[in-house]
Amino acid sequence: MKILVIDDEKGVGDLFTNLISKEKHKLTYISNGKDALKILENEHFNIVFCDIIMPILSGVKILEKIKSSSPKTKVIMMTGKMLDGDLINEIIKNKADGCLKKPFEINEVLKIIKEAEKNNSH
């Protein structure tokens, strides 16, 4: 599985890097939305974990772009903030495949990856 993590918090990137290095997946970590969109133009990912609130380009805008160019890519939004109704509606409207509330359990991430693997093998 090719996994992209987009989050402006380096700690989140480190967590994913450590977690995924124990698995047999390829992980790319990007700290901002602008660079993430450049990578997404040239590479396909099975799963994207994307922070919602980031400087420069919001997670919702990134979600929108991913789903319009690659609707089958599984996109999991992440946030440490309480979500208001408008933001939840934006995420649903743009077809996010899930949302992780920070701090999340490593098992939650592994479950999402395993589920995507199963769906990918069909």
N, C-alpha and C. Protein backbone atom coordinates (compact mmCIF):
# COMPACT_ATOMS: atom_id res chain seq x y z
N MET A 1 0.84 -1.18 0.00
CA MET A 1 0.00 0.00 0.00
C MET A 1 0.89 1.25 0.00
N LYS A 2 0.49 2.21 -0.81
CA LYS A 2 1.18 3.50 -0.80
C LYS A 2 0.33 4.45 0.02
N ILE A 3 0.95 5.02 1.06
CA ILE A 3 0.24 5.85 2.01
C ILE A 3 0.87 7.24 2.04
N LEU A 4 0.01 8.26 1.98
CA LEU A 4 0.46 9.65 2.09
C LEU A 4 -0.11 10.24 3.37
N VAL A 5 0.75 10.88 4.15
CA VAL A 5 0.32 11.57 5.36
C VAL A 5 0.62 13.06 5.17
N ILE A 6 -0.44 13.88 5.31
CA ILE A 6 -0.30 15.33 5.17
C ILE A 6 -0.70 15.95 6.51
N ASP A 7 0.28 16.53 7.18
CA ASP A 7 0.00 17.14 8.49
C ASP A 7 1.11 18.13 8.81
N ASP A 8 0.74 19.31 9.28
CA ASP A 8 1.75 20.32 9.62
C ASP A 8 2.44 20.04 10.96
N GLU A 9 1.96 19.06 11.72
CA GLU A 9 2.60 18.67 12.98
C GLU A 9 3.60 17.55 12.70
N LYS A 10 4.89 17.84 12.87
CA LYS A 10 5.93 16.86 12.58
C LYS A 10 5.74 15.60 13.43
N GLY A 11 5.25 15.75 14.65
CA GLY A 11 5.03 14.60 15.53
C GLY A 11 4.10 13.57 14.92
N VAL A 12 3.09 14.04 14.21
CA VAL A 12 2.15 13.13 13.55
C VAL A 12 2.87 12.39 12.43
N GLY A 13 3.68 13.12 11.67
CA GLY A 13 4.47 12.50 10.60
C GLY A 13 5.41 11.44 11.15
N ASP A 14 6.06 11.75 12.27
CA ASP A 14 6.98 10.80 12.91
C ASP A 14 6.24 9.55 13.38
N LEU A 15 5.06 9.75 13.98
CA LEU A 15 4.26 8.63 14.46
C LEU A 15 3.94 7.67 13.31
N PHE A 16 3.46 8.22 12.20
CA PHE A 16 3.12 7.40 11.04
C PHE A 16 4.36 6.72 10.47
N THR A 17 5.46 7.46 10.39
CA THR A 17 6.70 6.90 9.85
C THR A 17 7.14 5.70 10.67
N ASN A 18 7.12 5.84 12.01
CA ASN A 18 7.51 4.73 12.88
C ASN A 18 6.55 3.56 12.76
N LEU A 19 5.28 3.85 12.69
CA LEU A 19 4.25 2.82 12.60
C LEU A 19 4.35 2.05 11.29
N ILE A 20 4.44 2.78 10.19
CA ILE A 20 4.43 2.17 8.86
C ILE A 20 5.73 1.44 8.57
N SER A 21 6.85 1.89 9.17
CA SER A 21 8.13 1.22 8.92
C SER A 21 8.10 -0.22 9.44
N LYS A 22 7.22 -0.50 10.39
CA LYS A 22 7.08 -1.86 10.92
C LYS A 22 6.21 -2.72 9.99
N GLU A 23 5.44 -2.08 9.14
CA GLU A 23 4.58 -2.77 8.19
C GLU A 23 5.32 -2.82 6.85
N LYS A 24 4.68 -3.37 5.84
CA LYS A 24 5.36 -3.47 4.54
C LYS A 24 4.78 -2.45 3.54
N HIS A 25 4.49 -1.26 4.01
CA HIS A 25 3.88 -0.25 3.16
C HIS A 25 4.88 0.85 2.86
N LYS A 26 4.59 1.61 1.81
CA LYS A 26 5.45 2.75 1.45
C LYS A 26 4.76 4.03 1.94
N LEU A 27 5.46 4.76 2.79
CA LEU A 27 4.87 5.97 3.37
C LEU A 27 5.59 7.22 2.86
N THR A 28 4.80 8.22 2.52
CA THR A 28 5.34 9.54 2.20
C THR A 28 4.69 10.52 3.17
N TYR A 29 5.53 11.35 3.80
CA TYR A 29 5.01 12.37 4.73
C TYR A 29 5.29 13.75 4.15
N ILE A 30 4.26 14.58 4.12
CA ILE A 30 4.37 15.96 3.63
C ILE A 30 3.78 16.88 4.70
N SER A 31 4.47 18.00 4.96
CA SER A 31 4.03 18.87 6.05
C SER A 31 3.10 20.00 5.62
N ASN A 32 2.79 20.12 4.31
CA ASN A 32 1.85 21.16 3.91
C ASN A 32 1.08 20.76 2.66
N GLY A 33 -0.08 21.37 2.51
CA GLY A 33 -1.00 21.01 1.45
C GLY A 33 -0.50 21.33 0.05
N LYS A 34 0.23 22.43 -0.08
CA LYS A 34 0.71 22.84 -1.40
C LYS A 34 1.66 21.78 -1.98
N ASP A 35 2.62 21.34 -1.18
CA ASP A 35 3.56 20.30 -1.63
C ASP A 35 2.83 18.97 -1.85
N ALA A 36 1.82 18.71 -1.03
CA ALA A 36 1.05 17.46 -1.17
C ALA A 36 0.37 17.42 -2.53
N LEU A 37 -0.22 18.53 -2.95
CA LEU A 37 -0.90 18.56 -4.25
C LEU A 37 0.08 18.32 -5.40
N LYS A 38 1.30 18.84 -5.28
CA LYS A 38 2.32 18.60 -6.31
C LYS A 38 2.61 17.10 -6.42
N ILE A 39 2.79 16.45 -5.29
CA ILE A 39 3.08 15.01 -5.28
C ILE A 39 1.90 14.23 -5.84
N LEU A 40 0.69 14.64 -5.46
CA LEU A 40 -0.51 13.92 -5.90
C LEU A 40 -0.73 14.03 -7.42
N GLU A 41 -0.15 15.05 -8.05
CA GLU A 41 -0.26 15.18 -9.50
C GLU A 41 0.51 14.06 -10.21
N ASN A 42 1.58 13.59 -9.58
CA ASN A 42 2.47 12.62 -10.23
C ASN A 42 2.41 11.21 -9.65
N GLU A 43 1.84 11.07 -8.48
CA GLU A 43 1.84 9.76 -7.81
C GLU A 43 0.44 9.39 -7.35
N HIS A 44 0.17 8.08 -7.36
CA HIS A 44 -1.11 7.59 -6.85
C HIS A 44 -0.87 6.97 -5.47
N PHE A 45 -1.77 7.22 -4.54
CA PHE A 45 -1.70 6.63 -3.20
C PHE A 45 -2.97 5.86 -2.93
N ASN A 46 -2.86 4.75 -2.21
CA ASN A 46 -4.04 3.96 -1.83
C ASN A 46 -4.81 4.66 -0.72
N ILE A 47 -4.06 5.23 0.24
CA ILE A 47 -4.68 5.91 1.38
C ILE A 47 -3.97 7.24 1.62
N VAL A 48 -4.77 8.27 1.90
CA VAL A 48 -4.22 9.56 2.30
C VAL A 48 -4.81 9.90 3.67
N PHE A 49 -3.93 10.16 4.63
CA PHE A 49 -4.34 10.66 5.95
C PHE A 49 -4.03 12.15 5.91
N CYS A 50 -5.06 12.99 6.09
CA CYS A 50 -4.87 14.43 5.90
C CYS A 50 -5.44 15.22 7.07
N ASP A 51 -4.61 16.08 7.64
CA ASP A 51 -5.05 16.98 8.70
C ASP A 51 -6.06 17.96 8.09
N ILE A 52 -7.07 18.34 8.86
CA ILE A 52 -8.09 19.25 8.35
C ILE A 52 -7.60 20.70 8.40
N ILE A 53 -7.05 21.09 9.55
CA ILE A 53 -6.68 22.49 9.73
C ILE A 53 -5.17 22.65 9.59
N MET A 54 -4.78 23.27 8.46
CA MET A 54 -3.37 23.50 8.16
C MET A 54 -3.21 24.88 7.55
N PRO A 55 -2.01 25.46 7.69
CA PRO A 55 -1.77 26.75 7.04
C PRO A 55 -1.67 26.56 5.52
N ILE A 56 -1.77 27.62 4.77
CA ILE A 56 -1.64 27.68 3.31
C ILE A 56 -2.84 27.04 2.60
N LEU A 57 -3.07 25.74 2.81
CA LEU A 57 -4.14 25.03 2.10
C LEU A 57 -4.83 24.09 3.07
N SER A 58 -6.14 24.24 3.23
CA SER A 58 -6.86 23.42 4.21
C SER A 58 -7.01 21.98 3.75
N GLY A 59 -7.19 21.10 4.70
CA GLY A 59 -7.41 19.69 4.41
C GLY A 59 -8.64 19.46 3.55
N VAL A 60 -9.67 20.28 3.74
CA VAL A 60 -10.90 20.13 2.97
C VAL A 60 -10.61 20.39 1.48
N LYS A 61 -9.78 21.40 1.19
CA LYS A 61 -9.41 21.70 -0.21
C LYS A 61 -8.61 20.54 -0.80
N ILE A 62 -7.73 19.96 -0.02
CA ILE A 62 -6.93 18.82 -0.49
C ILE A 62 -7.85 17.63 -0.75
N LEU A 63 -8.77 17.37 0.17
CA LEU A 63 -9.76 16.29 0.01
C LEU A 63 -10.52 16.47 -1.31
N GLU A 64 -10.98 17.70 -1.53
CA GLU A 64 -11.74 18.03 -2.74
C GLU A 64 -10.93 17.68 -4.00
N LYS A 65 -9.67 18.09 -4.03
CA LYS A 65 -8.80 17.85 -5.19
C LYS A 65 -8.56 16.35 -5.38
N ILE A 66 -8.27 15.63 -4.30
CA ILE A 66 -7.99 14.19 -4.40
C ILE A 66 -9.21 13.47 -4.96
N LYS A 67 -10.38 13.74 -4.38
CA LYS A 67 -11.58 13.02 -4.79
C LYS A 67 -12.01 13.37 -6.22
N SER A 68 -11.70 14.58 -6.68
CA SER A 68 -12.08 14.91 -8.05
C SER A 68 -11.14 14.24 -9.07
N SER A 69 -9.87 14.06 -8.70
CA SER A 69 -8.94 13.44 -9.66
C SER A 69 -8.78 11.93 -9.46
N SER A 70 -9.04 11.45 -8.25
CA SER A 70 -8.85 10.03 -7.95
C SER A 70 -9.90 9.56 -6.93
N PRO A 71 -11.16 9.41 -7.38
CA PRO A 71 -12.27 9.11 -6.45
C PRO A 71 -12.10 7.83 -5.62
N LYS A 72 -11.30 6.88 -6.11
CA LYS A 72 -11.15 5.62 -5.38
C LYS A 72 -10.11 5.70 -4.25
N THR A 73 -9.30 6.76 -4.25
CA THR A 73 -8.32 6.92 -3.18
C THR A 73 -9.05 7.11 -1.86
N LYS A 74 -8.66 6.32 -0.87
CA LYS A 74 -9.28 6.40 0.45
C LYS A 74 -8.66 7.59 1.19
N VAL A 75 -9.49 8.54 1.61
CA VAL A 75 -8.99 9.74 2.30
C VAL A 75 -9.57 9.78 3.71
N ILE A 76 -8.67 9.76 4.69
CA ILE A 76 -9.07 9.83 6.10
C ILE A 76 -8.63 11.20 6.62
N MET A 77 -9.58 11.98 7.08
CA MET A 77 -9.28 13.29 7.63
C MET A 77 -8.89 13.15 9.10
N MET A 78 -8.02 14.04 9.57
CA MET A 78 -7.56 14.00 10.96
C MET A 78 -7.72 15.40 11.57
N THR A 79 -8.10 15.42 12.84
CA THR A 79 -8.19 16.72 13.51
C THR A 79 -8.05 16.57 15.03
N GLY A 80 -7.49 17.60 15.63
CA GLY A 80 -7.40 17.66 17.08
C GLY A 80 -8.42 18.63 17.64
N LYS A 81 -9.14 19.31 16.76
CA LYS A 81 -10.13 20.31 17.17
C LYS A 81 -11.53 19.70 17.17
N MET A 82 -12.41 20.35 17.88
CA MET A 82 -13.82 19.96 17.80
C MET A 82 -14.32 20.44 16.44
N LEU A 83 -15.03 19.59 15.75
CA LEU A 83 -15.54 19.97 14.43
C LEU A 83 -16.90 20.62 14.56
N ASP A 84 -17.07 21.75 13.87
CA ASP A 84 -18.41 22.34 13.86
C ASP A 84 -19.21 21.73 12.72
N GLY A 85 -20.51 21.95 12.73
CA GLY A 85 -21.40 21.34 11.76
C GLY A 85 -21.03 21.64 10.32
N ASP A 86 -20.62 22.89 10.04
CA ASP A 86 -20.27 23.27 8.67
C ASP A 86 -19.08 22.46 8.16
N LEU A 87 -18.08 22.31 9.01
CA LEU A 87 -16.88 21.57 8.61
C LEU A 87 -17.21 20.10 8.39
N ILE A 88 -18.02 19.53 9.27
CA ILE A 88 -18.44 18.13 9.11
C ILE A 88 -19.18 17.97 7.78
N ASN A 89 -20.08 18.90 7.46
CA ASN A 89 -20.82 18.84 6.20
C ASN A 89 -19.89 18.94 4.99
N GLU A 90 -18.88 19.79 5.07
CA GLU A 90 -17.90 19.92 3.98
C GLU A 90 -17.16 18.60 3.76
N ILE A 91 -16.77 17.97 4.85
CA ILE A 91 -16.03 16.71 4.77
C ILE A 91 -16.92 15.62 4.16
N ILE A 92 -18.16 15.55 4.60
CA ILE A 92 -19.11 14.56 4.07
C ILE A 92 -19.39 14.84 2.59
N LYS A 93 -19.64 16.11 2.27
CA LYS A 93 -19.95 16.50 0.89
C LYS A 93 -18.82 16.11 -0.06
N ASN A 94 -17.59 16.25 0.42
CA ASN A 94 -16.43 15.94 -0.42
C ASN A 94 -16.00 14.48 -0.33
N LYS A 95 -16.84 13.67 0.30
CA LYS A 95 -16.67 12.21 0.31
C LYS A 95 -15.43 11.69 1.03
N ALA A 96 -15.13 12.25 2.19
CA ALA A 96 -14.05 11.68 3.01
C ALA A 96 -14.45 10.27 3.40
N ASP A 97 -13.47 9.39 3.53
CA ASP A 97 -13.75 8.00 3.87
C ASP A 97 -13.73 7.76 5.38
N GLY A 98 -13.43 8.79 6.15
CA GLY A 98 -13.41 8.65 7.59
C GLY A 98 -12.74 9.85 8.23
N CYS A 99 -12.79 9.88 9.56
CA CYS A 99 -12.16 10.97 10.29
C CYS A 99 -11.55 10.42 11.58
N LEU A 100 -10.30 10.75 11.82
CA LEU A 100 -9.62 10.36 13.05
C LEU A 100 -9.51 11.58 13.95
N LYS A 101 -9.89 11.41 15.20
CA LYS A 101 -9.79 12.49 16.18
C LYS A 101 -8.45 12.34 16.90
N LYS A 102 -7.62 13.39 16.88
CA LYS A 102 -6.34 13.36 17.59
C LYS A 102 -6.57 13.61 19.06
N PRO A 103 -5.88 13.01 19.97
CA PRO A 103 -4.92 11.94 19.69
C PRO A 103 -5.65 10.63 19.41
N PHE A 104 -5.21 9.90 18.39
CA PHE A 104 -5.86 8.65 18.04
C PHE A 104 -4.99 7.47 18.45
N GLU A 105 -5.59 6.32 18.49
CA GLU A 105 -4.89 5.10 18.84
C GLU A 105 -4.22 4.54 17.58
N ILE A 106 -3.04 3.99 17.73
CA ILE A 106 -2.33 3.38 16.61
C ILE A 106 -3.18 2.27 16.00
N ASN A 107 -3.91 1.55 16.84
CA ASN A 107 -4.77 0.46 16.34
C ASN A 107 -5.82 0.97 15.36
N GLU A 108 -6.31 2.19 15.57
CA GLU A 108 -7.30 2.77 14.65
C GLU A 108 -6.69 2.93 13.26
N VAL A 109 -5.44 3.39 13.20
CA VAL A 109 -4.75 3.59 11.93
C VAL A 109 -4.52 2.24 11.26
N LEU A 110 -4.05 1.26 12.03
CA LEU A 110 -3.77 -0.06 11.46
C LEU A 110 -5.04 -0.71 10.92
N LYS A 111 -6.15 -0.50 11.61
CA LYS A 111 -7.44 -1.06 11.17
C LYS A 111 -7.83 -0.46 9.82
N ILE A 112 -7.67 0.85 9.66
CA ILE A 112 -8.00 1.53 8.41
C ILE A 112 -7.12 0.98 7.27
N ILE A 113 -5.83 0.80 7.54
CA ILE A 113 -4.91 0.30 6.52
C ILE A 113 -5.27 -1.13 6.13
N LYS A 114 -5.53 -1.98 7.13
CA LYS A 114 -5.89 -3.38 6.85
C LYS A 114 -7.18 -3.47 6.03
N GLU A 115 -8.15 -2.64 6.37
CA GLU A 115 -9.42 -2.61 5.63
C GLU A 115 -9.18 -2.20 4.17
N ALA A 116 -8.35 -1.21 3.97
CA ALA A 116 -8.04 -0.74 2.62
C ALA A 116 -7.30 -1.83 1.83
N GLU A 117 -6.44 -2.56 2.52
CA GLU A 117 -5.72 -3.66 1.86
C GLU A 117 -6.68 -4.70 1.36
N LYS A 118 -7.65 -5.06 2.21
CA LYS A 118 -8.66 -6.06 1.83
C LYS A 118 -9.44 -5.59 0.61
N ASN A 119 -9.88 -4.34 0.63
CA ASN A 119 -10.67 -3.79 -0.48
C ASN A 119 -9.84 -3.67 -1.75
N ASN A 120 -8.53 -3.46 -1.57
CA ASN A 120 -7.64 -3.31 -2.71
C ASN A 120 -7.34 -4.63 -3.41
N SER A 121 -7.43 -5.73 -2.66
CA SER A 121 -7.07 -7.04 -3.23
C SER A 121 -8.19 -7.65 -4.04
N HIS A 122 -9.38 -7.04 -4.02
CA HIS A 122 -10.51 -7.58 -4.80
C HIS A 122 -10.39 -7.24 -6.25
